[in-house]
């Protein structure tokens, strides 16, 4: 399998440098009692759809954390989630070229939970 997967209630999907912050953010969130896991694709082509098959029924949504301005991977995440049978919301945090901090990822996750961030799919 071409991903690293830690599954919880909601899943963050991040790649490369963003994944390091995502992994730390997921750990901090779990220590605070939040249910946040991480899918870390190693390759984007072909997109690692099998990682989504292995998650389980507890998934409530996907947050795609990206360095791009527009959010390029979020489409693939939403499509893979739907194909795996997860008809749950997908959000995108496109941080615009920089590597997001753990604090900013957790802030966006809080916005997702509160409904302040509109879902992408």
PDB file of N, CA and C in Angstrom:
ATOM      1  N   UNK A   1       0.840  -1.169   0.000  1.00  0.00           N
ATOM      2  CA  UNK A   1       0.000   0.000   0.000  1.00  0.00           C
ATOM      3  C   UNK A   1       0.889   1.237   0.000  1.00  0.00           C
ATOM      4  N   UNK A   2       0.479   2.247  -0.711  1.00  0.00           N
ATOM      5  CA  UNK A   2       1.309   3.421  -0.892  1.00  0.00           C
ATOM      6  C   UNK A   2       0.875   4.583  -0.009  1.00  0.00           C
ATOM      7  N   UNK A   3       0.439   4.290   1.200  1.00  0.00           N
ATOM      8  CA  UNK A   3       0.038   5.346   2.118  1.00  0.00           C
ATOM      9  C   UNK A   3       0.419   4.980   3.529  1.00  0.00           C
ATOM     10  N   UNK A   4       0.403   5.980   4.359  1.00  0.00           N
ATOM     11  CA  UNK A   4       0.446   5.743   5.794  1.00  0.00           C
ATOM     12  C   UNK A   4      -0.942   6.087   6.298  1.00  0.00           C
ATOM     13  N   UNK A   5      -1.592   5.203   7.039  1.00  0.00           N
ATOM     14  CA  UNK A   5      -2.963   5.436   7.463  1.00  0.00           C
ATOM     15  C   UNK A   5      -3.076   5.287   8.970  1.00  0.00           C
ATOM     16  N   UNK A   6      -3.643   6.266   9.625  1.00  0.00           N
ATOM     17  CA  UNK A   6      -4.064   6.172  11.026  1.00  0.00           C
ATOM     18  C   UNK A   6      -5.501   6.616  11.023  1.00  0.00           C
ATOM     19  N   UNK A   7      -6.386   5.748  11.412  1.00  0.00           N
ATOM     20  CA  UNK A   7      -7.802   6.047  11.283  1.00  0.00           C
ATOM     21  C   UNK A   7      -8.431   6.419  12.628  1.00  0.00           C
ATOM     22  N   UNK A   8      -9.294   7.395  12.594  1.00  0.00           N
ATOM     23  CA  UNK A   8     -10.043   7.832  13.771  1.00  0.00           C
ATOM     24  C   UNK A   8     -11.438   8.228  13.282  1.00  0.00           C
ATOM     25  N   UNK A   9     -12.043   9.232  13.864  1.00  0.00           N
ATOM     26  CA  UNK A   9     -13.389   9.644  13.469  1.00  0.00           C
ATOM     27  C   UNK A   9     -13.412  10.493  12.224  1.00  0.00           C
ATOM     28  N   UNK A  10     -12.524  11.439  12.113  1.00  0.00           N
ATOM     29  CA  UNK A  10     -12.391  12.265  10.923  1.00  0.00           C
ATOM     30  C   UNK A  10     -10.979  12.059  10.408  1.00  0.00           C
ATOM     31  N   UNK A  11     -10.778  12.213   9.131  1.00  0.00           N
ATOM     32  CA  UNK A  11      -9.474  11.940   8.547  1.00  0.00           C
ATOM     33  C   UNK A  11      -8.921  13.190   7.887  1.00  0.00           C
ATOM     34  N   UNK A  12      -7.670  13.481   8.153  1.00  0.00           N
ATOM     35  CA  UNK A  12      -6.960  14.526   7.436  1.00  0.00           C
ATOM     36  C   UNK A  12      -6.121  13.837   6.365  1.00  0.00           C
ATOM     37  N   UNK A  13      -6.074  14.405   5.192  1.00  0.00           N
ATOM     38  CA  UNK A  13      -5.274  13.858   4.105  1.00  0.00           C
ATOM     39  C   UNK A  13      -4.221  14.892   3.761  1.00  0.00           C
ATOM     40  N   UNK A  14      -2.955  14.493   3.868  1.00  0.00           N
ATOM     41  CA  UNK A  14      -1.863  15.435   3.626  1.00  0.00           C
ATOM     42  C   UNK A  14      -0.698  14.699   2.997  1.00  0.00           C
ATOM     43  N   UNK A  15       0.158  15.407   2.272  1.00  0.00           N
ATOM     44  CA  UNK A  15       1.266  14.805   1.553  1.00  0.00           C
ATOM     45  C   UNK A  15       2.550  15.580   1.810  1.00  0.00           C
ATOM     46  N   UNK A  16       3.672  14.872   1.782  1.00  0.00           N
ATOM     47  CA  UNK A  16       5.031  15.417   1.922  1.00  0.00           C
ATOM     48  C   UNK A  16       5.203  16.281   3.157  1.00  0.00           C
ATOM     49  N   UNK A  17       5.689  17.518   2.992  1.00  0.00           N
ATOM     50  CA  UNK A  17       5.963  18.388   4.130  1.00  0.00           C
ATOM     51  C   UNK A  17       4.719  18.689   4.941  1.00  0.00           C
ATOM     52  N   UNK A  18       3.593  18.774   4.277  1.00  0.00           N
ATOM     53  CA  UNK A  18       2.339  19.033   4.966  1.00  0.00           C
ATOM     54  C   UNK A  18       1.983  17.860   5.871  1.00  0.00           C
ATOM     55  N   UNK A  19       2.347  16.653   5.457  1.00  0.00           N
ATOM     56  CA  UNK A  19       2.021  15.462   6.244  1.00  0.00           C
ATOM     57  C   UNK A  19       2.719  15.459   7.592  1.00  0.00           C
ATOM     58  N   UNK A  20       3.912  16.004   7.673  1.00  0.00           N
ATOM     59  CA  UNK A  20       4.616  16.052   8.957  1.00  0.00           C
ATOM     60  C   UNK A  20       3.821  16.893   9.955  1.00  0.00           C
ATOM     61  N   UNK A  21       3.366  18.049   9.526  1.00  0.00           N
ATOM     62  CA  UNK A  21       2.521  18.877  10.379  1.00  0.00           C
ATOM     63  C   UNK A  21       1.176  18.230  10.645  1.00  0.00           C
ATOM     64  N   UNK A  22       0.650  17.543   9.639  1.00  0.00           N
ATOM     65  CA  UNK A  22      -0.620  16.844   9.798  1.00  0.00           C
ATOM     66  C   UNK A  22      -0.531  15.721  10.811  1.00  0.00           C
ATOM     67  N   UNK A  23       0.577  14.992  10.781  1.00  0.00           N
ATOM     68  CA  UNK A  23       0.793  13.900  11.731  1.00  0.00           C
ATOM     69  C   UNK A  23       0.864  14.452  13.153  1.00  0.00           C
ATOM     70  N   UNK A  24       1.595  15.531  13.321  1.00  0.00           N
ATOM     71  CA  UNK A  24       1.701  16.157  14.641  1.00  0.00           C
ATOM     72  C   UNK A  24       0.348  16.706  15.084  1.00  0.00           C
ATOM     73  N   UNK A  25      -0.364  17.355  14.170  1.00  0.00           N
ATOM     74  CA  UNK A  25      -1.685  17.908  14.495  1.00  0.00           C
ATOM     75  C   UNK A  25      -2.651  16.797  14.899  1.00  0.00           C
ATOM     76  N   UNK A  26      -2.614  15.672  14.188  1.00  0.00           N
ATOM     77  CA  UNK A  26      -3.487  14.545  14.531  1.00  0.00           C
ATOM     78  C   UNK A  26      -3.149  14.021  15.923  1.00  0.00           C
ATOM     79  N   UNK A  27      -1.864  13.931  16.249  1.00  0.00           N
ATOM     80  CA  UNK A  27      -1.452  13.482  17.581  1.00  0.00           C
ATOM     81  C   UNK A  27      -1.904  14.429  18.676  1.00  0.00           C
ATOM     82  N   UNK A  28      -1.736  15.730  18.446  1.00  0.00           N
ATOM     83  CA  UNK A  28      -2.160  16.740  19.426  1.00  0.00           C
ATOM     84  C   UNK A  28      -3.677  16.681  19.597  1.00  0.00           C
ATOM     85  N   UNK A  29      -4.400  16.562  18.482  1.00  0.00           N
ATOM     86  CA  UNK A  29      -5.866  16.489  18.544  1.00  0.00           C
ATOM     87  C   UNK A  29      -6.319  15.267  19.341  1.00  0.00           C
ATOM     88  N   UNK A  30      -5.675  14.128  19.112  1.00  0.00           N
ATOM     89  CA  UNK A  30      -6.049  12.916  19.858  1.00  0.00           C
ATOM     90  C   UNK A  30      -5.776  13.083  21.350  1.00  0.00           C
ATOM     91  N   UNK A  31      -4.656  13.718  21.691  1.00  0.00           N
ATOM     92  CA  UNK A  31      -4.363  13.955  23.112  1.00  0.00           C
ATOM     93  C   UNK A  31      -5.383  14.896  23.751  1.00  0.00           C
ATOM     94  N   UNK A  32      -6.000  15.743  22.947  1.00  0.00           N
ATOM     95  CA  UNK A  32      -7.038  16.662  23.445  1.00  0.00           C
ATOM     96  C   UNK A  32      -8.427  16.022  23.408  1.00  0.00           C
ATOM     97  N   UNK A  33      -8.503  14.759  23.015  1.00  0.00           N
ATOM     98  CA  UNK A  33      -9.779  14.060  22.984  1.00  0.00           C
ATOM     99  C   UNK A  33     -10.533  14.166  21.674  1.00  0.00           C
ATOM    100  N   UNK A  34      -9.945  14.790  20.675  1.00  0.00           N
ATOM    101  CA  UNK A  34     -10.579  14.904  19.356  1.00  0.00           C
ATOM    102  C   UNK A  34     -10.272  13.648  18.548  1.00  0.00           C
ATOM    103  N   UNK A  35     -11.192  13.279  17.705  1.00  0.00           N
ATOM    104  CA  UNK A  35     -10.983  12.102  16.869  1.00  0.00           C
ATOM    105  C   UNK A  35     -10.526  12.555  15.482  1.00  0.00           C
ATOM    106  N   UNK A  36      -9.218  12.499  15.264  1.00  0.00           N
ATOM    107  CA  UNK A  36      -8.626  12.933  14.001  1.00  0.00           C
ATOM    108  C   UNK A  36      -7.540  11.954  13.607  1.00  0.00           C
ATOM    109  N   UNK A  37      -7.632  11.421  12.408  1.00  0.00           N
ATOM    110  CA  UNK A  37      -6.622  10.505  11.884  1.00  0.00           C
ATOM    111  C   UNK A  37      -5.905  11.151  10.710  1.00  0.00           C
ATOM    112  N   UNK A  38      -5.033  10.380  10.056  1.00  0.00           N
ATOM    113  CA  UNK A  38      -4.238  10.913   8.952  1.00  0.00           C
ATOM    114  C   UNK A  38      -4.094   9.871   7.858  1.00  0.00           C
ATOM    115  N   UNK A  39      -4.306  10.291   6.630  1.00  0.00           N
ATOM    116  CA  UNK A  39      -3.961   9.497   5.450  1.00  0.00           C
ATOM    117  C   UNK A  39      -2.833  10.254   4.779  1.00  0.00           C
ATOM    118  N   UNK A  40      -1.712   9.603   4.577  1.00  0.00           N
ATOM    119  CA  UNK A  40      -0.551  10.249   3.957  1.00  0.00           C
ATOM    120  C   UNK A  40      -0.202   9.551   2.656  1.00  0.00           C
ATOM    121  N   UNK A  41      -0.678  10.056   1.516  1.00  0.00           N
ATOM    122  CA  UNK A  41      -0.321   9.441   0.240  1.00  0.00           C
ATOM    123  C   UNK A  41       1.170   9.607  -0.051  1.00  0.00           C
ATOM    124  N   UNK A  42       1.807   8.538  -0.459  1.00  0.00           N
ATOM    125  CA  UNK A  42       3.205   8.599  -0.873  1.00  0.00           C
ATOM    126  C   UNK A  42       3.274   9.037  -2.338  1.00  0.00           C
ATOM    127  N   UNK A  43       2.368   8.517  -3.140  1.00  0.00           N
ATOM    128  CA  UNK A  43       2.275   8.907  -4.546  1.00  0.00           C
ATOM    129  C   UNK A  43       0.866   9.432  -4.807  1.00  0.00           C
ATOM    130  N   UNK A  44       0.750  10.287  -5.813  1.00  0.00           N
ATOM    131  CA  UNK A  44      -0.568  10.794  -6.182  1.00  0.00           C
ATOM    132  C   UNK A  44      -1.084  10.177  -7.474  1.00  0.00           C
ATOM    133  N   UNK A  45      -0.208   9.479  -8.181  1.00  0.00           N
ATOM    134  CA  UNK A  45      -0.654   8.772  -9.379  1.00  0.00           C
ATOM    135  C   UNK A  45      -0.009   7.406  -9.418  1.00  0.00           C
ATOM    136  N   UNK A  46      -0.785   6.360  -9.407  1.00  0.00           N
ATOM    137  CA  UNK A  46      -2.239   6.404  -9.231  1.00  0.00           C
ATOM    138  C   UNK A  46      -2.601   6.785  -7.800  1.00  0.00           C
ATOM    139  N   UNK A  47      -3.742   7.445  -7.643  1.00  0.00           N
ATOM    140  CA  UNK A  47      -4.156   7.882  -6.310  1.00  0.00           C
ATOM    141  C   UNK A  47      -4.435   6.661  -5.438  1.00  0.00           C
ATOM    142  N   UNK A  48      -3.999   6.652  -4.193  1.00  0.00           N
ATOM    143  CA  UNK A  48      -4.102   5.467  -3.322  1.00  0.00           C
ATOM    144  C   UNK A  48      -5.511   5.233  -2.775  1.00  0.00           C
ATOM    145  N   UNK A  49      -6.408   4.784  -3.631  1.00  0.00           N
ATOM    146  CA  UNK A  49      -7.807   4.572  -3.240  1.00  0.00           C
ATOM    147  C   UNK A  49      -7.957   3.485  -2.183  1.00  0.00           C
ATOM    148  N   UNK A  50      -7.037   2.515  -2.165  1.00  0.00           N
ATOM    149  CA  UNK A  50      -7.139   1.411  -1.202  1.00  0.00           C
ATOM    150  C   UNK A  50      -7.045   1.906   0.239  1.00  0.00           C
ATOM    151  N   UNK A  51      -6.356   2.991   0.466  1.00  0.00           N
ATOM    152  CA  UNK A  51      -6.253   3.537   1.824  1.00  0.00           C
ATOM    153  C   UNK A  51      -7.627   3.932   2.354  1.00  0.00           C
ATOM    154  N   UNK A  52      -8.505   4.357   1.479  1.00  0.00           N
ATOM    155  CA  UNK A  52      -9.841   4.762   1.890  1.00  0.00           C
ATOM    156  C   UNK A  52     -10.718   3.548   2.179  1.00  0.00           C
ATOM    157  N   UNK A  53     -10.446   2.437   1.502  1.00  0.00           N
ATOM    158  CA  UNK A  53     -11.220   1.218   1.736  1.00  0.00           C
ATOM    159  C   UNK A  53     -11.027   0.677   3.143  1.00  0.00           C
ATOM    160  N   UNK A  54      -9.873   0.938   3.737  1.00  0.00           N
ATOM    161  CA  UNK A  54      -9.509   0.329   5.013  1.00  0.00           C
ATOM    162  C   UNK A  54      -9.905   1.151   6.234  1.00  0.00           C
ATOM    163  N   UNK A  55     -10.637   2.215   6.075  1.00  0.00           N
ATOM    164  CA  UNK A  55     -10.860   3.135   7.189  1.00  0.00           C
ATOM    165  C   UNK A  55     -11.910   2.680   8.196  1.00  0.00           C
ATOM    166  N   UNK A  56     -13.001   2.128   7.758  1.00  0.00           N
ATOM    167  CA  UNK A  56     -14.055   1.717   8.690  1.00  0.00           C
ATOM    168  C   UNK A  56     -15.211   2.699   8.718  1.00  0.00           C
ATOM    169  N   UNK A  57     -16.220   2.317   9.475  1.00  0.00           N
ATOM    170  CA  UNK A  57     -17.477   3.074   9.475  1.00  0.00           C
ATOM    171  C   UNK A  57     -17.453   4.335  10.327  1.00  0.00           C
ATOM    172  N   UNK A  58     -16.428   4.537  11.144  1.00  0.00           N
ATOM    173  CA  UNK A  58     -16.401   5.659  12.071  1.00  0.00           C
ATOM    174  C   UNK A  58     -16.071   7.000  11.418  1.00  0.00           C
ATOM    175  N   UNK A  59     -15.733   7.010  10.128  1.00  0.00           N
ATOM    176  CA  UNK A  59     -15.330   8.252   9.456  1.00  0.00           C
ATOM    177  C   UNK A  59     -16.524   9.195   9.306  1.00  0.00           C
ATOM    178  N   UNK A  60     -16.328  10.428   9.759  1.00  0.00           N
ATOM    179  CA  UNK A  60     -17.379  11.446   9.673  1.00  0.00           C
ATOM    180  C   UNK A  60     -17.080  12.505   8.624  1.00  0.00           C
ATOM    181  N   UNK A  61     -15.846  12.516   8.105  1.00  0.00           N
ATOM    182  CA  UNK A  61     -15.494  13.490   7.094  1.00  0.00           C
ATOM    183  C   UNK A  61     -14.013  13.465   6.789  1.00  0.00           C
ATOM    184  N   UNK A  62     -13.619  14.184   5.743  1.00  0.00           N
ATOM    185  CA  UNK A  62     -12.228  14.280   5.314  1.00  0.00           C
ATOM    186  C   UNK A  62     -11.836  15.738   5.215  1.00  0.00           C
ATOM    187  N   UNK A  63     -10.673  16.065   5.745  1.00  0.00           N
ATOM    188  CA  UNK A  63     -10.096  17.402   5.624  1.00  0.00           C
ATOM    189  C   UNK A  63      -8.813  17.263   4.828  1.00  0.00           C
ATOM    190  N   UNK A  64      -8.779  17.835   3.648  1.00  0.00           N
ATOM    191  CA  UNK A  64      -7.607  17.759   2.787  1.00  0.00           C
ATOM    192  C   UNK A  64      -6.743  18.989   3.046  1.00  0.00           C
ATOM    193  N   UNK A  65      -5.530  18.770   3.557  1.00  0.00           N
ATOM    194  CA  UNK A  65      -4.607  19.864   3.884  1.00  0.00           C
ATOM    195  C   UNK A  65      -3.566  19.938   2.778  1.00  0.00           C
ATOM    196  N   UNK A  66      -3.487  21.088   2.099  1.00  0.00           N
ATOM    197  CA  UNK A  66      -2.613  21.231   0.933  1.00  0.00           C
ATOM    198  C   UNK A  66      -1.802  22.518   0.989  1.00  0.00           C
ATOM    199  N   UNK A  67      -0.656  22.487   0.309  1.00  0.00           N
ATOM    200  CA  UNK A  67       0.162  23.696   0.185  1.00  0.00           C
ATOM    201  C   UNK A  67      -0.274  24.560  -0.991  1.00  0.00           C
ATOM    202  N   UNK A  68      -1.047  24.021  -1.902  1.00  0.00           N
ATOM    203  CA  UNK A  68      -1.453  24.796  -3.077  1.00  0.00           C
ATOM    204  C   UNK A  68      -2.470  25.871  -2.684  1.00  0.00           C
ATOM    205  N   UNK A  69      -2.652  26.822  -3.574  1.00  0.00           N
ATOM    206  CA  UNK A  69      -3.590  27.910  -3.316  1.00  0.00           C
ATOM    207  C   UNK A  69      -5.027  27.461  -3.551  1.00  0.00           C
ATOM    208  N   UNK A  70      -5.242  26.662  -4.582  1.00  0.00           N
ATOM    209  CA  UNK A  70      -6.595  26.296  -4.981  1.00  0.00           C
ATOM    210  C   UNK A  70      -7.101  24.994  -4.380  1.00  0.00           C
ATOM    211  N   UNK A  71      -6.226  24.152  -3.938  1.00  0.00           N
ATOM    212  CA  UNK A  71      -6.645  22.847  -3.458  1.00  0.00           C
ATOM    213  C   UNK A  71      -6.785  21.883  -4.618  1.00  0.00           C
ATOM    214  N   UNK A  72      -5.688  21.244  -5.004  1.00  0.00           N
ATOM    215  CA  UNK A  72      -5.697  20.359  -6.168  1.00  0.00           C
ATOM    216  C   UNK A  72      -6.005  18.908  -5.804  1.00  0.00           C
ATOM    217  N   UNK A  73      -5.603  18.472  -4.612  1.00  0.00           N
ATOM    218  CA  UNK A  73      -5.780  17.074  -4.234  1.00  0.00           C
ATOM    219  C   UNK A  73      -7.175  16.798  -3.672  1.00  0.00           C
ATOM    220  N   UNK A  74      -7.895  17.826  -3.265  1.00  0.00           N
ATOM    221  CA  UNK A  74      -9.193  17.644  -2.631  1.00  0.00           C
ATOM    222  C   UNK A  74     -10.181  16.927  -3.551  1.00  0.00           C
ATOM    223  N   UNK A  75     -10.103  17.160  -4.859  1.00  0.00           N
ATOM    224  CA  UNK A  75     -10.985  16.470  -5.796  1.00  0.00           C
ATOM    225  C   UNK A  75     -10.741  14.962  -5.749  1.00  0.00           C
ATOM    226  N   UNK A  76      -9.461  14.566  -5.743  1.00  0.00           N
ATOM    227  CA  UNK A  76      -9.117  13.148  -5.687  1.00  0.00           C
ATOM    228  C   UNK A  76      -9.543  12.524  -4.361  1.00  0.00           C
ATOM    229  N   UNK A  77      -9.392  13.273  -3.287  1.00  0.00           N
ATOM    230  CA  UNK A  77      -9.799  12.784  -1.965  1.00  0.00           C
ATOM    231  C   UNK A  77     -11.304  12.541  -1.936  1.00  0.00           C
ATOM    232  N   UNK A  78     -12.074  13.502  -2.406  1.00  0.00           N
ATOM    233  CA  UNK A  78     -13.531  13.361  -2.410  1.00  0.00           C
ATOM    234  C   UNK A  78     -13.965  12.199  -3.290  1.00  0.00           C
ATOM    235  N   UNK A  79     -13.351  12.055  -4.445  1.00  0.00           N
ATOM    236  CA  UNK A  79     -13.699  10.974  -5.352  1.00  0.00           C
ATOM    237  C   UNK A  79     -13.350   9.604  -4.748  1.00  0.00           C
ATOM    238  N   UNK A  80     -12.165   9.489  -4.166  1.00  0.00           N
ATOM    239  CA  UNK A  80     -11.760   8.230  -3.539  1.00  0.00           C
ATOM    240  C   UNK A  80     -12.672   7.886  -2.363  1.00  0.00           C
ATOM    241  N   UNK A  81     -13.061   8.892  -1.601  1.00  0.00           N
ATOM    242  CA  UNK A  81     -13.955   8.664  -0.463  1.00  0.00           C
ATOM    243  C   UNK A  81     -15.311   8.159  -0.937  1.00  0.00           C
ATOM    244  N   UNK A  82     -15.845   8.787  -1.961  1.00  0.00           N
ATOM    245  CA  UNK A  82     -17.155   8.362  -2.472  1.00  0.00           C
ATOM    246  C   UNK A  82     -17.090   6.953  -3.061  1.00  0.00           C
ATOM    247  N   UNK A  83     -16.019   6.657  -3.805  1.00  0.00           N
ATOM    248  CA  UNK A  83     -15.874   5.322  -4.389  1.00  0.00           C
ATOM    249  C   UNK A  83     -15.726   4.240  -3.319  1.00  0.00           C
ATOM    250  N   UNK A  84     -15.170   4.629  -2.160  1.00  0.00           N
ATOM    251  CA  UNK A  84     -15.009   3.677  -1.060  1.00  0.00           C
ATOM    252  C   UNK A  84     -16.285   3.565  -0.225  1.00  0.00           C
ATOM    253  N   UNK A  85     -17.301   4.346  -0.577  1.00  0.00           N
ATOM    254  CA  UNK A  85     -18.576   4.253   0.111  1.00  0.00           C
ATOM    255  C   UNK A  85     -18.773   5.239   1.251  1.00  0.00           C
ATOM    256  N   UNK A  86     -17.923   6.245   1.344  1.00  0.00           N
ATOM    257  CA  UNK A  86     -18.063   7.252   2.388  1.00  0.00           C
ATOM    258  C   UNK A  86     -18.796   8.457   1.818  1.00  0.00           C
ATOM    259  N   UNK A  87     -20.040   8.600   2.159  1.00  0.00           N
ATOM    260  CA  UNK A  87     -20.821   9.737   1.695  1.00  0.00           C
ATOM    261  C   UNK A  87     -20.862  10.759   2.828  1.00  0.00           C
ATOM    262  N   UNK A  88     -19.678  11.294   3.097  1.00  0.00           N
ATOM    263  CA  UNK A  88     -19.462  12.251   4.181  1.00  0.00           C
ATOM    264  C   UNK A  88     -18.834  13.499   3.582  1.00  0.00           C
ATOM    265  N   UNK A  89     -18.875  14.617   4.291  1.00  0.00           N
ATOM    266  CA  UNK A  89     -18.302  15.860   3.746  1.00  0.00           C
ATOM    267  C   UNK A  89     -16.790  15.785   3.574  1.00  0.00           C
ATOM    268  N   UNK A  90     -16.300  16.549   2.611  1.00  0.00           N
ATOM    269  CA  UNK A  90     -14.861  16.722   2.403  1.00  0.00           C
ATOM    270  C   UNK A  90     -14.575  18.221   2.417  1.00  0.00           C
ATOM    271  N   UNK A  91     -13.641  18.623   3.270  1.00  0.00           N
ATOM    272  CA  UNK A  91     -13.231  20.020   3.373  1.00  0.00           C
ATOM    273  C   UNK A  91     -11.829  20.170   2.828  1.00  0.00           C
ATOM    274  N   UNK A  92     -11.464  21.394   2.485  1.00  0.00           N
ATOM    275  CA  UNK A  92     -10.119  21.660   1.982  1.00  0.00           C
ATOM    276  C   UNK A  92      -9.500  22.823   2.736  1.00  0.00           C
ATOM    277  N   UNK A  93      -8.272  22.600   3.181  1.00  0.00           N
ATOM    278  CA  UNK A  93      -7.477  23.694   3.756  1.00  0.00           C
ATOM    279  C   UNK A  93      -6.291  23.889   2.832  1.00  0.00           C
ATOM    280  N   UNK A  94      -6.428  24.831   1.909  1.00  0.00           N
ATOM    281  CA  UNK A  94      -5.356  25.159   0.967  1.00  0.00           C
ATOM    282  C   UNK A  94      -4.618  26.364   1.529  1.00  0.00           C
ATOM    283  N   UNK A  95      -3.404  26.144   2.015  1.00  0.00           N
ATOM    284  CA  UNK A  95      -2.709  27.203   2.750  1.00  0.00           C
ATOM    285  C   UNK A  95      -1.896  28.135   1.870  1.00  0.00           C
ATOM    286  N   UNK A  96      -1.938  28.000   0.573  1.00  0.00           N
ATOM    287  CA  UNK A  96      -1.382  29.009  -0.306  1.00  0.00           C
ATOM    288  C   UNK A  96       0.117  29.038  -0.459  1.00  0.00           C
ATOM    289  N   UNK A  97       0.761  27.906  -0.498  1.00  0.00           N
ATOM    290  CA  UNK A  97       2.180  27.859  -0.815  1.00  0.00           C
ATOM    291  C   UNK A  97       3.110  27.593   0.341  1.00  0.00           C
ATOM    292  N   UNK A  98       2.676  27.798   1.544  1.00  0.00           N
ATOM    293  CA  UNK A  98       3.532  27.532   2.696  1.00  0.00           C
ATOM    294  C   UNK A  98       3.120  26.253   3.404  1.00  0.00           C
ATOM    295  N   UNK A  99       4.015  25.750   4.224  1.00  0.00           N
ATOM    296  CA  UNK A  99       3.694  24.572   5.024  1.00  0.00           C
ATOM    297  C   UNK A  99       2.884  25.045   6.227  1.00  0.00           C
ATOM    298  N   UNK A 100       1.697  24.493   6.430  1.00  0.00           N
ATOM    299  CA  UNK A 100       0.866  24.968   7.537  1.00  0.00           C
ATOM    300  C   UNK A 100       1.425  24.541   8.888  1.00  0.00           C
ATOM    301  N   UNK A 101       1.216  25.373   9.876  1.00  0.00           N
ATOM    302  CA  UNK A 101       1.646  25.031  11.227  1.00  0.00           C
ATOM    303  C   UNK A 101       0.626  24.076  11.856  1.00  0.00           C
ATOM    304  N   UNK A 102       1.058  23.407  12.887  1.00  0.00           N
ATOM    305  CA  UNK A 102       0.156  22.521  13.630  1.00  0.00           C
ATOM    306  C   UNK A 102      -1.012  23.339  14.174  1.00  0.00           C
ATOM    307  N   UNK A 103      -0.717  24.520  14.674  1.00  0.00           N
ATOM    308  CA  UNK A 103      -1.757  25.394  15.225  1.00  0.00           C
ATOM    309  C   UNK A 103      -2.806  25.744  14.170  1.00  0.00           C
ATOM    310  N   UNK A 104      -2.362  26.038  12.940  1.00  0.00           N
ATOM    311  CA  UNK A 104      -3.316  26.404  11.892  1.00  0.00           C
ATOM    312  C   UNK A 104      -4.158  25.210  11.458  1.00  0.00           C
ATOM    313  N   UNK A 105      -3.562  24.008  11.393  1.00  0.00           N
ATOM    314  CA  UNK A 105      -4.331  22.808  11.039  1.00  0.00           C
ATOM    315  C   UNK A 105      -5.388  22.548  12.107  1.00  0.00           C
ATOM    316  N   UNK A 106      -5.013  22.656  13.377  1.00  0.00           N
ATOM    317  CA  UNK A 106      -5.977  22.441  14.461  1.00  0.00           C
ATOM    318  C   UNK A 106      -7.066  23.509  14.449  1.00  0.00           C
ATOM    319  N   UNK A 107      -6.704  24.731  14.097  1.00  0.00           N
ATOM    320  CA  UNK A 107      -7.692  25.803  13.995  1.00  0.00           C
ATOM    321  C   UNK A 107      -8.709  25.514  12.894  1.00  0.00           C
ATOM    322  N   UNK A 108      -8.224  25.039  11.754  1.00  0.00           N
ATOM    323  CA  UNK A 108      -9.125  24.699  10.652  1.00  0.00           C
ATOM    324  C   UNK A 108     -10.005  23.513  11.050  1.00  0.00           C
ATOM    325  N   UNK A 109      -9.430  22.537  11.750  1.00  0.00           N
ATOM    326  CA  UNK A 109     -10.228  21.394  12.214  1.00  0.00           C
ATOM    327  C   UNK A 109     -11.327  21.874  13.168  1.00  0.00           C
ATOM    328  N   UNK A 110     -11.010  22.829  14.039  1.00  0.00           N
ATOM    329  CA  UNK A 110     -12.028  23.402  14.918  1.00  0.00           C
ATOM    330  C   UNK A 110     -13.115  24.107  14.109  1.00  0.00           C
ATOM    331  N   UNK A 111     -12.711  24.813  13.036  1.00  0.00           N
ATOM    332  CA  UNK A 111     -13.685  25.466  12.151  1.00  0.00           C
ATOM    333  C   UNK A 111     -14.591  24.440  11.468  1.00  0.00           C
ATOM    334  N   UNK A 112     -14.022  23.295  11.094  1.00  0.00           N
ATOM    335  CA  UNK A 112     -14.812  22.220  10.493  1.00  0.00           C
ATOM    336  C   UNK A 112     -15.852  21.728  11.499  1.00  0.00           C
ATOM    337  N   UNK A 113     -15.393  21.460  12.708  1.00  0.00           N
ATOM    338  CA  UNK A 113     -16.298  20.936  13.735  1.00  0.00           C
ATOM    339  C   UNK A 113     -17.408  21.917  14.096  1.00  0.00           C
ATOM    340  N   UNK A 114     -17.096  23.199  14.094  1.00  0.00           N
ATOM    341  CA  UNK A 114     -18.096  24.205  14.476  1.00  0.00           C
ATOM    342  C   UNK A 114     -19.027  24.588  13.323  1.00  0.00           C
ATOM    343  N   UNK A 115     -18.670  24.190  12.110  1.00  0.00           N
ATOM    344  CA  UNK A 115     -19.474  24.546  10.951  1.00  0.00           C
ATOM    345  C   UNK A 115     -19.076  25.858  10.303  1.00  0.00           C
ATOM    346  N   UNK A 116     -17.993  26.476  10.795  1.00  0.00           N
ATOM    347  CA  UNK A 116     -17.539  27.756  10.245  1.00  0.00           C
ATOM    348  C   UNK A 116     -16.897  27.604   8.865  1.00  0.00           C
ATOM    349  N   UNK A 117     -16.325  26.431   8.579  1.00  0.00           N
ATOM    350  CA  UNK A 117     -15.704  26.185   7.279  1.00  0.00           C
ATOM    351  C   UNK A 117     -16.679  25.408   6.413  1.00  0.00           C
ATOM    352  N   UNK A 118     -16.986  25.955   5.253  1.00  0.00           N
ATOM    353  CA  UNK A 118     -17.921  25.306   4.331  1.00  0.00           C
ATOM    354  C   UNK A 118     -17.266  24.103   3.676  1.00  0.00           C
ATOM    355  N   UNK A 119     -18.007  23.019   3.590  1.00  0.00           N
ATOM    356  CA  UNK A 119     -17.467  21.816   2.964  1.00  0.00           C
ATOM    357  C   UNK A 119     -17.304  22.022   1.469  1.00  0.00           C
ATOM    358  N   UNK A 120     -16.308  21.338   0.891  1.00  0.00           N
ATOM    359  CA  UNK A 120     -16.031  21.452  -0.541  1.00  0.00           C
ATOM    360  C   UNK A 120     -16.893  20.484  -1.330  1.00  0.00           C
ATOM    361  N   UNK A 121     -17.078  19.287  -0.805  1.00  0.00           N
ATOM    362  CA  UNK A 121     -17.898  18.248  -1.454  1.00  0.00           C
ATOM    363  C   UNK A 121     -18.815  17.616  -0.426  1.00  0.00           C
TER     364      UNK A 121
END
